[in-house]
Amino acid sequence: MLKTDAATEPCFDATECVTVAYMVAIIHFWLQGVVMLKFVFSIRTRNGQKVEGLLISSHDAAGAETKVKQMYQHCEILSCELRQQEHKHLETVTIEEILTLISK
């Protein structure tokens, strides 16, 4: 809650500052439109078992490959395909609408 003191300027509680900063960060990334791509992998594990249809989200193919190799150490990647993205129409949101949501 916003606190006021006759001798000082208005200030926020420390916990509210952290919460507001967290919300601002989320809104920042949301407004930037951070896109996560989806990749479908087929791999062969180190034991020789074939795994197909392994879905990994990442910003790019290299990042997705890194995630696969972290989960399946010493695997062989047989194929990697970019999954077709559905185009969703994003509605524009004003700062006032965002502030209204935060204040609730």
C-alpha atoms as a PDB file:
ATOM      1  CA  MET A   1       0.000   0.000   0.000  1.00  0.00           C
ATOM      2  CA  LEU A   2       1.216   3.505  -0.742  1.00  0.00           C
ATOM      3  CA  LYS A   3       2.335   5.133   2.491  1.00  0.00           C
ATOM      4  CA  THR A   4       2.604   8.830   3.108  1.00  0.00           C
ATOM      5  CA  ASP A   5       4.337  10.686   5.871  1.00  0.00           C
ATOM      6  CA  ALA A   6       4.187  14.425   6.461  1.00  0.00           C
ATOM      7  CA  ALA A   7       7.993  14.630   6.646  1.00  0.00           C
ATOM      8  CA  THR A   8       8.755  12.381   3.682  1.00  0.00           C
ATOM      9  CA  GLU A   9       7.571  11.745   0.172  1.00  0.00           C
ATOM     10  CA  PRO A  10       5.203   8.838  -0.552  1.00  0.00           C
ATOM     11  CA  CYS A  11       6.886   5.440  -0.641  1.00  0.00           C
ATOM     12  CA  PHE A  12       6.001   1.780  -1.159  1.00  0.00           C
ATOM     13  CA  ASP A  13       6.536  -1.218   1.078  1.00  0.00           C
ATOM     14  CA  ALA A  14       9.537  -3.324   0.016  1.00  0.00           C
ATOM     15  CA  THR A  15       7.304  -6.338  -0.668  1.00  0.00           C
ATOM     16  CA  GLU A  16       5.059  -4.255  -2.905  1.00  0.00           C
ATOM     17  CA  CYS A  17       8.071  -2.957  -4.834  1.00  0.00           C
ATOM     18  CA  VAL A  18       9.173  -6.523  -5.543  1.00  0.00           C
ATOM     19  CA  THR A  19       5.658  -7.508  -6.621  1.00  0.00           C
ATOM     20  CA  VAL A  20       5.312  -4.462  -8.880  1.00  0.00           C
ATOM     21  CA  ALA A  21       8.766  -5.081 -10.390  1.00  0.00           C
ATOM     22  CA  TYR A  22       7.828  -8.708 -11.064  1.00  0.00           C
ATOM     23  CA  MET A  23       4.576  -7.680 -12.742  1.00  0.00           C
ATOM     24  CA  VAL A  24       6.346  -5.044 -14.846  1.00  0.00           C
ATOM     25  CA  ALA A  25       8.844  -7.672 -16.026  1.00  0.00           C
ATOM     26  CA  ILE A  26       6.045 -10.049 -17.007  1.00  0.00           C
ATOM     27  CA  ILE A  27       4.196  -7.293 -18.860  1.00  0.00           C
ATOM     28  CA  HIS A  28       7.430  -6.246 -20.603  1.00  0.00           C
ATOM     29  CA  PHE A  29       8.013  -9.739 -22.012  1.00  0.00           C
ATOM     30  CA  TRP A  30       4.344 -10.125 -22.876  1.00  0.00           C
ATOM     31  CA  LEU A  31       4.277  -6.869 -24.817  1.00  0.00           C
ATOM     32  CA  GLN A  32       7.511  -7.769 -26.614  1.00  0.00           C
ATOM     33  CA  GLY A  33       5.831 -10.868 -27.942  1.00  0.00           C
ATOM     34  CA  VAL A  34       8.479 -13.365 -26.911  1.00  0.00           C
ATOM     35  CA  VAL A  35       8.030 -16.229 -29.314  1.00  0.00           C
ATOM     36  CA  MET A  36       8.787 -19.798 -28.391  1.00  0.00           C
ATOM     37  CA  LEU A  37       9.028 -22.137 -31.349  1.00  0.00           C
ATOM     38  CA  LYS A  38       8.180 -25.822 -31.095  1.00  0.00           C
ATOM     39  CA  PHE A  39      10.468 -28.487 -32.533  1.00  0.00           C
ATOM     40  CA  VAL A  40       9.673 -32.173 -33.003  1.00  0.00           C
ATOM     41  CA  PHE A  41      12.653 -34.510 -32.605  1.00  0.00           C
ATOM     42  CA  SER A  42      13.336 -38.131 -33.379  1.00  0.00           C
ATOM     43  CA  ILE A  43      16.289 -39.479 -31.432  1.00  0.00           C
ATOM     44  CA  ARG A  44      18.094 -42.698 -30.636  1.00  0.00           C
ATOM     45  CA  THR A  45      19.016 -43.032 -26.973  1.00  0.00           C
ATOM     46  CA  ARG A  46      22.433 -44.266 -25.836  1.00  0.00           C
ATOM     47  CA  ASN A  47      20.797 -47.658 -25.250  1.00  0.00           C
ATOM     48  CA  GLY A  48      19.617 -47.785 -28.881  1.00  0.00           C
ATOM     49  CA  GLN A  49      15.917 -47.138 -28.258  1.00  0.00           C
ATOM     50  CA  LYS A  50      14.235 -44.874 -30.789  1.00  0.00           C
ATOM     51  CA  VAL A  51      12.123 -41.991 -29.459  1.00  0.00           C
ATOM     52  CA  GLU A  52       9.858 -40.164 -31.925  1.00  0.00           C
ATOM     53  CA  GLY A  53       7.624 -37.132 -31.526  1.00  0.00           C
ATOM     54  CA  LEU A  54       9.699 -35.500 -28.792  1.00  0.00           C
ATOM     55  CA  LEU A  55       8.303 -31.939 -28.582  1.00  0.00           C
ATOM     56  CA  ILE A  56      10.678 -29.224 -27.316  1.00  0.00           C
ATOM     57  CA  SER A  57       9.977 -25.477 -27.025  1.00  0.00           C
ATOM     58  CA  SER A  58      12.824 -23.055 -27.616  1.00  0.00           C
ATOM     59  CA  HIS A  59      13.709 -19.742 -29.257  1.00  0.00           C
ATOM     60  CA  ASP A  60      15.704 -21.518 -31.971  1.00  0.00           C
ATOM     61  CA  ALA A  61      16.781 -24.960 -33.210  1.00  0.00           C
ATOM     62  CA  ALA A  62      20.157 -24.808 -31.454  1.00  0.00           C
ATOM     63  CA  GLY A  63      18.496 -24.151 -28.097  1.00  0.00           C
ATOM     64  CA  ALA A  64      16.042 -27.008 -28.645  1.00  0.00           C
ATOM     65  CA  GLU A  65      18.906 -29.355 -29.534  1.00  0.00           C
ATOM     66  CA  THR A  66      20.730 -28.351 -26.359  1.00  0.00           C
ATOM     67  CA  LYS A  67      17.644 -29.151 -24.283  1.00  0.00           C
ATOM     68  CA  VAL A  68      17.313 -32.574 -25.911  1.00  0.00           C
ATOM     69  CA  LYS A  69      20.969 -33.383 -25.245  1.00  0.00           C
ATOM     70  CA  GLN A  70      20.564 -32.324 -21.593  1.00  0.00           C
ATOM     71  CA  MET A  71      17.556 -34.619 -21.148  1.00  0.00           C
ATOM     72  CA  TYR A  72      18.935 -37.538 -23.187  1.00  0.00           C
ATOM     73  CA  GLN A  73      22.676 -37.539 -22.628  1.00  0.00           C
ATOM     74  CA  HIS A  74      24.756 -39.223 -25.360  1.00  0.00           C
ATOM     75  CA  CYS A  75      21.746 -39.521 -27.685  1.00  0.00           C
ATOM     76  CA  GLU A  76      21.850 -39.371 -31.462  1.00  0.00           C
ATOM     77  CA  ILE A  77      19.476 -36.850 -33.043  1.00  0.00           C
ATOM     78  CA  LEU A  78      17.901 -38.466 -36.088  1.00  0.00           C
ATOM     79  CA  SER A  79      15.656 -35.590 -37.172  1.00  0.00           C
ATOM     80  CA  CYS A  80      14.424 -32.182 -36.088  1.00  0.00           C
ATOM     81  CA  GLU A  81      11.400 -30.459 -37.617  1.00  0.00           C
ATOM     82  CA  LEU A  82       9.838 -27.102 -36.848  1.00  0.00           C
ATOM     83  CA  ARG A  83       6.224 -27.620 -35.851  1.00  0.00           C
ATOM     84  CA  GLN A  84       3.808 -25.370 -37.730  1.00  0.00           C
ATOM     85  CA  GLN A  85       2.755 -22.456 -35.562  1.00  0.00           C
ATOM     86  CA  GLU A  86      -0.873 -21.440 -35.300  1.00  0.00           C
ATOM     87  CA  HIS A  87      -1.278 -17.754 -35.935  1.00  0.00           C
ATOM     88  CA  LYS A  88      -3.301 -16.205 -33.156  1.00  0.00           C
ATOM     89  CA  HIS A  89      -4.569 -12.693 -33.491  1.00  0.00           C
ATOM     90  CA  LEU A  90      -3.357 -10.681 -30.539  1.00  0.00           C
ATOM     91  CA  GLU A  91      -5.512  -7.852 -29.395  1.00  0.00           C
ATOM     92  CA  THR A  92      -3.864  -4.624 -28.461  1.00  0.00           C
ATOM     93  CA  VAL A  93      -3.850  -3.740 -24.803  1.00  0.00           C
ATOM     94  CA  THR A  94      -3.456  -0.262 -23.428  1.00  0.00           C
ATOM     95  CA  ILE A  95      -1.331   0.627 -20.427  1.00  0.00           C
ATOM     96  CA  GLU A  96      -4.509   1.733 -18.627  1.00  0.00           C
ATOM     97  CA  GLU A  97      -6.009  -1.751 -19.029  1.00  0.00           C
ATOM     98  CA  ILE A  98      -2.843  -3.339 -17.677  1.00  0.00           C
ATOM     99  CA  LEU A  99      -2.769  -1.012 -14.678  1.00  0.00           C
ATOM    100  CA  THR A 100      -6.423  -1.788 -14.011  1.00  0.00           C
ATOM    101  CA  LEU A 101      -5.603  -5.502 -13.908  1.00  0.00           C
ATOM    102  CA  ILE A 102      -2.664  -4.931 -11.569  1.00  0.00           C
ATOM    103  CA  SER A 103      -4.652  -2.793  -9.164  1.00  0.00           C
ATOM    104  CA  LYS A 104      -7.326  -5.485  -8.645  1.00  0.00           C
END
